[in-house]
Amino acid sequence: MNKSVLFVALAGSLVLGACTTERVVLLPSPDGRQSAVVVRDASGEVLLNQPYAALKRRLDSNAGYQSSLEEVKERYSDALAAQPARPQSYVLYFEAGGNVLTQESQAALANIRKEIAERAASEVMVIGHTDRVGSVEGNDKLSLKRAEGLRELLIESGVAAEKLEAVGRGERDPLVPTADEVDEPKNRRVEINVR
């Protein structure tokens, strides 16, 4: 199970006489993928595997029920509002042998710059990559040049320089493994990871 697709909201304990109650609600994953959580305690095990599947826990029993978007908003709005923005990743591609973005990536860059600049308290890692054409040393330099160039564009967009780190990985981490000297467009990229 991918941790990034699972979000569990736990309500604070509510004291009612000698009875303590907790609620566990499985929220839908942002990308629509199936997720699940198993809640275990001395009284047994309950699987929550549908969006808004919920469990009301007491000291002596568990009661499953179907929550809703409305209930989640009403009960947990403060907790949800306090969450940091989810991490985001972007990939931009380059023309062969240089530091020029493809037309598609140039078009996407304006939106990406705006989204990153609008995120509060973000940390941004810009990672440059190359294909396997050319020398290892030359590709290391080119990948770093790509990453640093995009770092500068993000700074111009309003992202604080101290929140940005740029590194070059050369040809070490290809998306598409190839033999040496193979021109693979998907490997000529910069990954921008925002958290």
Foldseek 3Di string as FASTA:
>chain_A
DDPQQWDWDKADWDDDPPKTKIKIFTAGGPVRDWDWDWDDDPVGIDIDTDHQWMWIDIPNDIDTDGGDPVVCCVRPVVVVVPDFDRKDKDKWWADPPAQHTDPVRVVCLVVVLQVQQPGPPKAKEKEFEAAQADDQVVQQVRRQVNQVVVLVVSVVSRDDNVRYDYGYDGHPDAPDDDDHNDHDRRRGIMMMMMD
